[in-house]
PDB file of N, CA and C in Angstrom:
ATOM      1  N   MET A   1     104.609  89.739 126.066  1.00  0.00           N
ATOM      2  CA  MET A   1     106.060  89.737 126.066  1.00  0.00           C
ATOM      3  C   MET A   1     106.555  88.449 125.416  1.00  0.00           C
ATOM      4  N   ALA A   2     107.542  88.571 124.554  1.00  0.00           N
ATOM      5  CA  ALA A   2     108.099  87.407 123.871  1.00  0.00           C
ATOM      6  C   ALA A   2     108.671  86.423 124.886  1.00  0.00           C
ATOM      7  N   ASN A   3     108.561  85.147 124.560  1.00  0.00           N
ATOM      8  CA  ASN A   3     109.015  84.089 125.461  1.00  0.00           C
ATOM      9  C   ASN A   3     110.282  83.459 124.896  1.00  0.00           C
ATOM     10  N   LYS A   4     111.432  83.786 125.492  1.00  0.00           N
ATOM     11  CA  LYS A   4     112.699  83.258 124.973  1.00  0.00           C
ATOM     12  C   LYS A   4     112.855  81.765 125.223  1.00  0.00           C
ATOM     13  N   GLU A   5     111.999  81.197 126.040  1.00  0.00           N
ATOM     14  CA  GLU A   5     112.030  79.751 126.285  1.00  0.00           C
ATOM     15  C   GLU A   5     111.244  78.988 125.216  1.00  0.00           C
ATOM     16  N   MET A   6     110.476  79.702 124.402  1.00  0.00           N
ATOM     17  CA  MET A   6     109.632  79.078 123.376  1.00  0.00           C
ATOM     18  C   MET A   6     109.892  79.699 122.005  1.00  0.00           C
ATOM     19  N   LYS A   7     111.156  79.853 121.643  1.00  0.00           N
ATOM     20  CA  LYS A   7     111.495  80.459 120.352  1.00  0.00           C
ATOM     21  C   LYS A   7     111.072  79.561 119.201  1.00  0.00           C
ATOM     22  N   HIS A   8     110.655  80.190 118.124  1.00  0.00           N
ATOM     23  CA  HIS A   8     110.331  79.453 116.895  1.00  0.00           C
ATOM     24  C   HIS A   8     111.598  78.722 116.448  1.00  0.00           C
ATOM     25  N   PRO A   9     111.500  77.468 116.055  1.00  0.00           N
ATOM     26  CA  PRO A   9     112.697  76.712 115.662  1.00  0.00           C
ATOM     27  C   PRO A   9     113.403  77.252 114.420  1.00  0.00           C
ATOM     28  N   GLY A  10     112.749  78.079 113.636  1.00  0.00           N
ATOM     29  CA  GLY A  10     113.368  78.637 112.444  1.00  0.00           C
ATOM     30  C   GLY A  10     114.260  79.842 112.702  1.00  0.00           C
ATOM     31  N   ASN A  11     114.186  80.420 113.903  1.00  0.00           N
ATOM     32  CA  ASN A  11     115.000  81.596 114.206  1.00  0.00           C
ATOM     33  C   ASN A  11     116.483  81.291 114.040  1.00  0.00           C
ATOM     34  N   VAL A  12     117.212  82.221 113.397  1.00  0.00           N
ATOM     35  CA  VAL A  12     118.664  82.101 113.348  1.00  0.00           C
ATOM     36  C   VAL A  12     119.216  82.591 114.684  1.00  0.00           C
ATOM     37  N   PRO A  13     120.385  82.109 115.083  1.00  0.00           N
ATOM     38  CA  PRO A  13     120.970  82.561 116.356  1.00  0.00           C
ATOM     39  C   PRO A  13     121.199  84.074 116.375  1.00  0.00           C
ATOM     40  N   GLY A  14     120.987  84.660 117.515  1.00  0.00           N
ATOM     41  CA  GLY A  14     121.201  86.088 117.687  1.00  0.00           C
ATOM     42  C   GLY A  14     120.192  86.683 118.647  1.00  0.00           C
ATOM     43  N   PRO A  15     120.271  87.978 118.858  1.00  0.00           N
ATOM     44  CA  PRO A  15     119.414  88.610 119.869  1.00  0.00           C
ATOM     45  C   PRO A  15     117.934  88.710 119.507  1.00  0.00           C
ATOM     46  N   PHE A  16     117.612  88.837 118.229  1.00  0.00           N
ATOM     47  CA  PHE A  16     116.200  88.941 117.839  1.00  0.00           C
ATOM     48  C   PHE A  16     115.620  87.548 117.610  1.00  0.00           C
ATOM     49  N   TYR A  17     114.374  87.356 118.011  1.00  0.00           N
ATOM     50  CA  TYR A  17     113.694  86.070 117.836  1.00  0.00           C
ATOM     51  C   TYR A  17     112.193  86.282 117.829  1.00  0.00           C
ATOM     52  N   VAL A  18     111.481  85.276 117.354  1.00  0.00           N
ATOM     53  CA  VAL A  18     110.018  85.262 117.401  1.00  0.00           C
ATOM     54  C   VAL A  18     109.599  84.050 118.222  1.00  0.00           C
ATOM     55  N   THR A  19     108.611  84.256 119.070  1.00  0.00           N
ATOM     56  CA  THR A  19     108.090  83.178 119.898  1.00  0.00           C
ATOM     57  C   THR A  19     107.250  82.222 119.056  1.00  0.00           C
ATOM     58  N   SER A  20     107.408  80.943 119.311  1.00  0.00           N
ATOM     59  CA  SER A  20     106.661  79.905 118.613  1.00  0.00           C
ATOM     60  C   SER A  20     105.151  80.074 118.833  1.00  0.00           C
ATOM     61  N   PRO A  21     104.351  79.724 117.839  1.00  0.00           N
ATOM     62  CA  PRO A  21     102.894  79.791 118.034  1.00  0.00           C
ATOM     63  C   PRO A  21     102.411  78.796 119.085  1.00  0.00           C
ATOM     64  N   ASP A  22     103.251  77.849 119.465  1.00  0.00           N
ATOM     65  CA  ASP A  22     102.886  76.845 120.464  1.00  0.00           C
ATOM     66  C   ASP A  22     103.102  77.317 121.900  1.00  0.00           C
ATOM     67  N   ASP A  23     103.444  78.588 122.085  1.00  0.00           N
ATOM     68  CA  ASP A  23     103.691  79.118 123.424  1.00  0.00           C
ATOM     69  C   ASP A  23     102.458  78.927 124.307  1.00  0.00           C
ATOM     70  N   PRO A  24     102.597  78.231 125.433  1.00  0.00           N
ATOM     71  CA  PRO A  24     101.434  77.976 126.284  1.00  0.00           C
ATOM     72  C   PRO A  24     100.865  79.227 126.949  1.00  0.00           C
ATOM     73  N   ASP A  25     101.657  80.308 126.994  1.00  0.00           N
ATOM     74  CA  ASP A  25     101.164  81.543 127.597  1.00  0.00           C
ATOM     75  C   ASP A  25     100.386  82.405 126.613  1.00  0.00           C
ATOM     76  N   GLY A  26     100.243  81.931 125.376  1.00  0.00           N
ATOM     77  CA  GLY A  26      99.455  82.649 124.393  1.00  0.00           C
ATOM     78  C   GLY A  26     100.137  83.850 123.775  1.00  0.00           C
ATOM     79  N   GLU A  27     101.461  83.916 123.883  1.00  0.00           N
ATOM     80  CA  GLU A  27     102.192  85.051 123.328  1.00  0.00           C
ATOM     81  C   GLU A  27     102.971  84.658 122.078  1.00  0.00           C
ATOM     82  N   GLY A  28     102.578  83.562 121.459  1.00  0.00           N
ATOM     83  CA  GLY A  28     103.241  83.122 120.244  1.00  0.00           C
ATOM     84  C   GLY A  28     102.731  83.856 119.021  1.00  0.00           C
ATOM     85  N   CYS A  29     103.468  83.712 117.945  1.00  0.00           N
ATOM     86  CA  CYS A  29     103.108  84.342 116.684  1.00  0.00           C
ATOM     87  C   CYS A  29     101.711  83.899 116.247  1.00  0.00           C
ATOM     88  N   SER A  30     100.951  84.867 115.728  1.00  0.00           N
ATOM     89  CA  SER A  30      99.591  84.581 115.253  1.00  0.00           C
ATOM     90  C   SER A  30      99.504  84.601 113.727  1.00  0.00           C
ATOM     91  N   ALA A  31     100.647  84.724 113.061  1.00  0.00           N
ATOM     92  CA  ALA A  31     100.703  84.761 111.596  1.00  0.00           C
ATOM     93  C   ALA A  31      99.982  85.984 111.029  1.00  0.00           C
ATOM     94  N   CYS A  32     100.155  87.123 111.676  1.00  0.00           N
ATOM     95  CA  CYS A  32      99.481  88.342 111.229  1.00  0.00           C
ATOM     96  C   CYS A  32     100.114  88.942 109.977  1.00  0.00           C
ATOM     97  N   THR A  33     101.326  88.591 109.664  1.00  0.00           N
ATOM     98  CA  THR A  33     102.098  89.007 108.476  1.00  0.00           C
ATOM     99  C   THR A  33     102.780  90.368 108.592  1.00  0.00           C
ATOM    100  N   ILE A  34     102.586  91.091 109.667  1.00  0.00           N
ATOM    101  CA  ILE A  34     103.126  92.455 109.770  1.00  0.00           C
ATOM    102  C   ILE A  34     104.645  92.480 109.648  1.00  0.00           C
ATOM    103  N   CYS A  35     105.352  91.694 110.437  1.00  0.00           N
ATOM    104  CA  CYS A  35     106.813  91.805 110.476  1.00  0.00           C
ATOM    105  C   CYS A  35     107.476  91.367 109.176  1.00  0.00           C
ATOM    106  N   TYR A  36     107.039  90.273 108.609  1.00  0.00           N
ATOM    107  CA  TYR A  36     107.732  89.839 107.395  1.00  0.00           C
ATOM    108  C   TYR A  36     107.304  90.611 106.157  1.00  0.00           C
ATOM    109  N   ASN A  37     106.201  91.327 106.221  1.00  0.00           N
ATOM    110  CA  ASN A  37     105.863  92.240 105.129  1.00  0.00           C
ATOM    111  C   ASN A  37     106.618  93.562 105.261  1.00  0.00           C
ATOM    112  N   ALA A  38     106.827  94.020 106.496  1.00  0.00           N
ATOM    113  CA  ALA A  38     107.506  95.299 106.723  1.00  0.00           C
ATOM    114  C   ALA A  38     109.025  95.173 106.695  1.00  0.00           C
ATOM    115  N   ALA A  39     109.555  94.018 107.074  1.00  0.00           N
ATOM    116  CA  ALA A  39     111.012  93.829 107.150  1.00  0.00           C
ATOM    117  C   ALA A  39     111.386  92.454 106.596  1.00  0.00           C
ATOM    118  N   PRO A  40     111.154  92.227 105.291  1.00  0.00           N
ATOM    119  CA  PRO A  40     111.366  90.900 104.712  1.00  0.00           C
ATOM    120  C   PRO A  40     112.819  90.439 104.670  1.00  0.00           C
ATOM    121  N   ASP A  41     113.769  91.353 104.859  1.00  0.00           N
ATOM    122  CA  ASP A  41     115.175  90.936 104.910  1.00  0.00           C
ATOM    123  C   ASP A  41     115.499  90.231 106.218  1.00  0.00           C
ATOM    124  N   PHE A  42     114.652  90.422 107.229  1.00  0.00           N
ATOM    125  CA  PHE A  42     114.949  89.895 108.558  1.00  0.00           C
ATOM    126  C   PHE A  42     113.933  88.883 109.067  1.00  0.00           C
ATOM    127  N   PHE A  43     112.695  89.036 108.683  1.00  0.00           N
ATOM    128  CA  PHE A  43     111.649  88.125 109.128  1.00  0.00           C
ATOM    129  C   PHE A  43     111.128  87.330 107.937  1.00  0.00           C
ATOM    130  N   ALA A  44     110.828  86.075 108.175  1.00  0.00           N
ATOM    131  CA  ALA A  44     110.282  85.207 107.137  1.00  0.00           C
ATOM    132  C   ALA A  44     109.108  84.439 107.729  1.00  0.00           C
ATOM    133  N   GLU A  45     108.374  83.749 106.852  1.00  0.00           N
ATOM    134  CA  GLU A  45     107.244  82.942 107.318  1.00  0.00           C
ATOM    135  C   GLU A  45     107.522  81.472 107.053  1.00  0.00           C
ATOM    136  N   ASP A  46     107.099  80.649 107.998  1.00  0.00           N
ATOM    137  CA  ASP A  46     107.232  79.206 107.810  1.00  0.00           C
ATOM    138  C   ASP A  46     106.074  78.719 106.934  1.00  0.00           C
ATOM    139  N   PRO A  47     106.001  77.427 106.609  1.00  0.00           N
ATOM    140  CA  PRO A  47     104.927  76.931 105.741  1.00  0.00           C
ATOM    141  C   PRO A  47     103.512  77.186 106.264  1.00  0.00           C
ATOM    142  N   ASP A  48     103.378  77.404 107.581  1.00  0.00           N
ATOM    143  CA  ASP A  48     102.064  77.677 108.158  1.00  0.00           C
ATOM    144  C   ASP A  48     101.784  79.168 108.307  1.00  0.00           C
ATOM    145  N   GLY A  49     102.716  80.015 107.863  1.00  0.00           N
ATOM    146  CA  GLY A  49     102.522  81.453 107.927  1.00  0.00           C
ATOM    147  C   GLY A  49     103.047  82.129 109.172  1.00  0.00           C
ATOM    148  N   TYR A  50     103.637  81.358 110.084  1.00  0.00           N
ATOM    149  CA  TYR A  50     104.165  81.933 111.319  1.00  0.00           C
ATOM    150  C   TYR A  50     105.549  82.522 111.082  1.00  0.00           C
ATOM    151  N   ALA A  51     105.821  83.640 111.728  1.00  0.00           N
ATOM    152  CA  ALA A  51     107.072  84.362 111.523  1.00  0.00           C
ATOM    153  C   ALA A  51     108.223  83.779 112.332  1.00  0.00           C
ATOM    154  N   TYR A  52     109.415  84.018 111.803  1.00  0.00           N
ATOM    155  CA  TYR A  52     110.658  83.718 112.514  1.00  0.00           C
ATOM    156  C   TYR A  52     111.726  84.678 111.996  1.00  0.00           C
ATOM    157  N   VAL A  53     112.818  84.798 112.724  1.00  0.00           N
ATOM    158  CA  VAL A  53     113.907  85.672 112.312  1.00  0.00           C
ATOM    159  C   VAL A  53     114.822  84.882 111.384  1.00  0.00           C
ATOM    160  N   ALA A  54     114.884  85.314 110.133  1.00  0.00           N
ATOM    161  CA  ALA A  54     115.678  84.633 109.117  1.00  0.00           C
ATOM    162  C   ALA A  54     117.094  85.188 109.038  1.00  0.00           C
ATOM    163  N   GLN A  55     117.266  86.442 109.438  1.00  0.00           N
ATOM    164  CA  GLN A  55     118.579  87.085 109.422  1.00  0.00           C
ATOM    165  C   GLN A  55     118.611  88.125 110.536  1.00  0.00           C
ATOM    166  N   GLN A  56     119.687  88.157 111.281  1.00  0.00           N
ATOM    167  CA  GLN A  56     119.840  89.152 112.337  1.00  0.00           C
ATOM    168  C   GLN A  56     120.281  90.486 111.734  1.00  0.00           C
ATOM    169  N   PRO A  57     119.699  91.590 112.212  1.00  0.00           N
ATOM    170  CA  PRO A  57     120.115  92.900 111.714  1.00  0.00           C
ATOM    171  C   PRO A  57     121.508  93.256 112.232  1.00  0.00           C
ATOM    172  N   GLN A  58     122.244  94.027 111.442  1.00  0.00           N
ATOM    173  CA  GLN A  58     123.594  94.431 111.834  1.00  0.00           C
ATOM    174  C   GLN A  58     123.729  95.947 111.989  1.00  0.00           C
ATOM    175  N   SER A  59     123.221  96.692 111.040  1.00  0.00           N
ATOM    176  CA  SER A  59     123.387  98.152 111.087  1.00  0.00           C
ATOM    177  C   SER A  59     122.380  98.764 112.067  1.00  0.00           C
ATOM    178  N   ASP A  60     122.674  99.983 112.488  1.00  0.00           N
ATOM    179  CA  ASP A  60     121.756 100.688 113.387  1.00  0.00           C
ATOM    180  C   ASP A  60     120.377 100.854 112.753  1.00  0.00           C
ATOM    181  N   ALA A  61     120.353 101.147 111.451  1.00  0.00           N
ATOM    182  CA  ALA A  61     119.070 101.326 110.762  1.00  0.00           C
ATOM    183  C   ALA A  61     118.282 100.023 110.716  1.00  0.00           C
ATOM    184  N   ASP A  62     118.972  98.911 110.478  1.00  0.00           N
ATOM    185  CA  ASP A  62     118.288  97.623 110.416  1.00  0.00           C
ATOM    186  C   ASP A  62     117.802  97.188 111.795  1.00  0.00           C
ATOM    187  N   ILE A  63     118.595  97.472 112.811  1.00  0.00           N
ATOM    188  CA  ILE A  63     118.172  97.172 114.186  1.00  0.00           C
ATOM    189  C   ILE A  63     116.934  97.993 114.533  1.00  0.00           C
ATOM    190  N   ALA A  64     116.931  99.260 114.146  1.00  0.00           N
ATOM    191  CA  ALA A  64     115.765 100.119 114.393  1.00  0.00           C
ATOM    192  C   ALA A  64     114.532  99.575 113.686  1.00  0.00           C
ATOM    193  N   LEU A  65     114.696  99.105 112.442  1.00  0.00           N
ATOM    194  CA  LEU A  65     113.573  98.527 111.694  1.00  0.00           C
ATOM    195  C   LEU A  65     113.023  97.298 112.415  1.00  0.00           C
ATOM    196  N   CYS A  66     113.894  96.456 112.916  1.00  0.00           N
ATOM    197  CA  CYS A  66     113.435  95.259 113.638  1.00  0.00           C
ATOM    198  C   CYS A  66     112.769  95.628 114.955  1.00  0.00           C
ATOM    199  N   ARG A  67     113.264  96.650 115.608  1.00  0.00           N
ATOM    200  CA  ARG A  67     112.617  97.112 116.846  1.00  0.00           C
ATOM    201  C   ARG A  67     111.245  97.708 116.567  1.00  0.00           C
ATOM    202  N   GLU A  68     111.079  98.310 115.397  1.00  0.00           N
ATOM    203  CA  GLU A  68     109.747  98.789 115.005  1.00  0.00           C
ATOM    204  C   GLU A  68     108.776  97.623 114.899  1.00  0.00           C
ATOM    205  N   GLN A  69     109.256  96.477 114.466  1.00  0.00           N
ATOM    206  CA  GLN A  69     108.395  95.296 114.355  1.00  0.00           C
ATOM    207  C   GLN A  69     108.004  94.779 115.738  1.00  0.00           C
ATOM    208  N   ILE A  70     108.893  94.923 116.699  1.00  0.00           N
ATOM    209  CA  ILE A  70     108.544  94.560 118.081  1.00  0.00           C
ATOM    210  C   ILE A  70     107.348  95.392 118.532  1.00  0.00           C
ATOM    211  N   ALA A  71     107.408  96.698 118.271  1.00  0.00           N
ATOM    212  CA  ALA A  71     106.324  97.592 118.678  1.00  0.00           C
ATOM    213  C   ALA A  71     105.035  97.315 117.911  1.00  0.00           C
ATOM    214  N   ALA A  72     105.162  96.882 116.657  1.00  0.00           N
ATOM    215  CA  ALA A  72     103.986  96.651 115.817  1.00  0.00           C
ATOM    216  C   ALA A  72     103.334  95.295 116.040  1.00  0.00           C
ATOM    217  N   CYS A  73     104.042  94.362 116.640  1.00  0.00           N
ATOM    218  CA  CYS A  73     103.540  92.991 116.797  1.00  0.00           C
ATOM    219  C   CYS A  73     102.326  92.961 117.733  1.00  0.00           C
ATOM    220  N   PRO A  74     101.163  92.545 117.241  1.00  0.00           N
ATOM    221  CA  PRO A  74      99.953  92.552 118.074  1.00  0.00           C
ATOM    222  C   PRO A  74      99.955  91.523 119.199  1.00  0.00           C
ATOM    223  N   THR A  75     100.801  90.494 119.085  1.00  0.00           N
ATOM    224  CA  THR A  75     100.843  89.473 120.139  1.00  0.00           C
ATOM    225  C   THR A  75     102.118  89.557 120.984  1.00  0.00           C
ATOM    226  N   ASN A  76     102.922  90.595 120.751  1.00  0.00           N
ATOM    227  CA  ASN A  76     104.182  90.771 121.495  1.00  0.00           C
ATOM    228  C   ASN A  76     105.079  89.546 121.386  1.00  0.00           C
ATOM    229  N   SER A  77     105.124  88.953 120.193  1.00  0.00           N
ATOM    230  CA  SER A  77     105.853  87.716 119.976  1.00  0.00           C
ATOM    231  C   SER A  77     107.316  87.890 119.586  1.00  0.00           C
ATOM    232  N   ILE A  78     107.720  89.112 119.292  1.00  0.00           N
ATOM    233  CA  ILE A  78     109.090  89.358 118.858  1.00  0.00           C
ATOM    234  C   ILE A  78     109.908  89.838 120.046  1.00  0.00           C
ATOM    235  N   GLY A  79     111.069  89.211 120.222  1.00  0.00           N
ATOM    236  CA  GLY A  79     111.933  89.585 121.324  1.00  0.00           C
ATOM    237  C   GLY A  79     113.294  90.043 120.860  1.00  0.00           C
ATOM    238  N   ASP A  80     113.979  90.775 121.723  1.00  0.00           N
ATOM    239  CA  ASP A  80     115.327  91.271 121.478  1.00  0.00           C
ATOM    240  C   ASP A  80     116.113  91.128 122.770  1.00  0.00           C
ATOM    241  N   ASP A  81     117.019  90.179 122.782  1.00  0.00           N
ATOM    242  CA  ASP A  81     117.859  89.961 123.966  1.00  0.00           C
ATOM    243  C   ASP A  81     119.181  90.701 123.875  1.00  0.00           C
ATOM    244  N   GLY A  82     119.268  91.644 122.911  1.00  0.00           N
ATOM    245  CA  GLY A  82     120.519  92.367 122.686  1.00  0.00           C
ATOM    246  C   GLY A  82     120.728  93.512 123.635  1.00  0.00           C
TER     247      GLY A  82
END
C-alpha cells in the first residue's frame, strides 16, 4: 500500500502520488518503469529512475489510466487520496 507519509518529493500536489524509494516499510518505488511508460503524461522518472506524479489527471479517462497504474505497480507504490 502506498505510504502518503513518504511521498516522492517530485510529486505535484493532488490526489495521486508515488511513494519515495526511501520508504522504511519497503513500499517505495522500485524504478520498474511500468507507470511512466504506460502513462507518460502523468508519471515521470527522476534522475535515478524512480517514478513520481508529474501531472494530475483531470478527465475520467485519464483518472482511469492512472488507476490502472495503481493496479499494475508491483510494489504498490502509487496512491490515490481522491
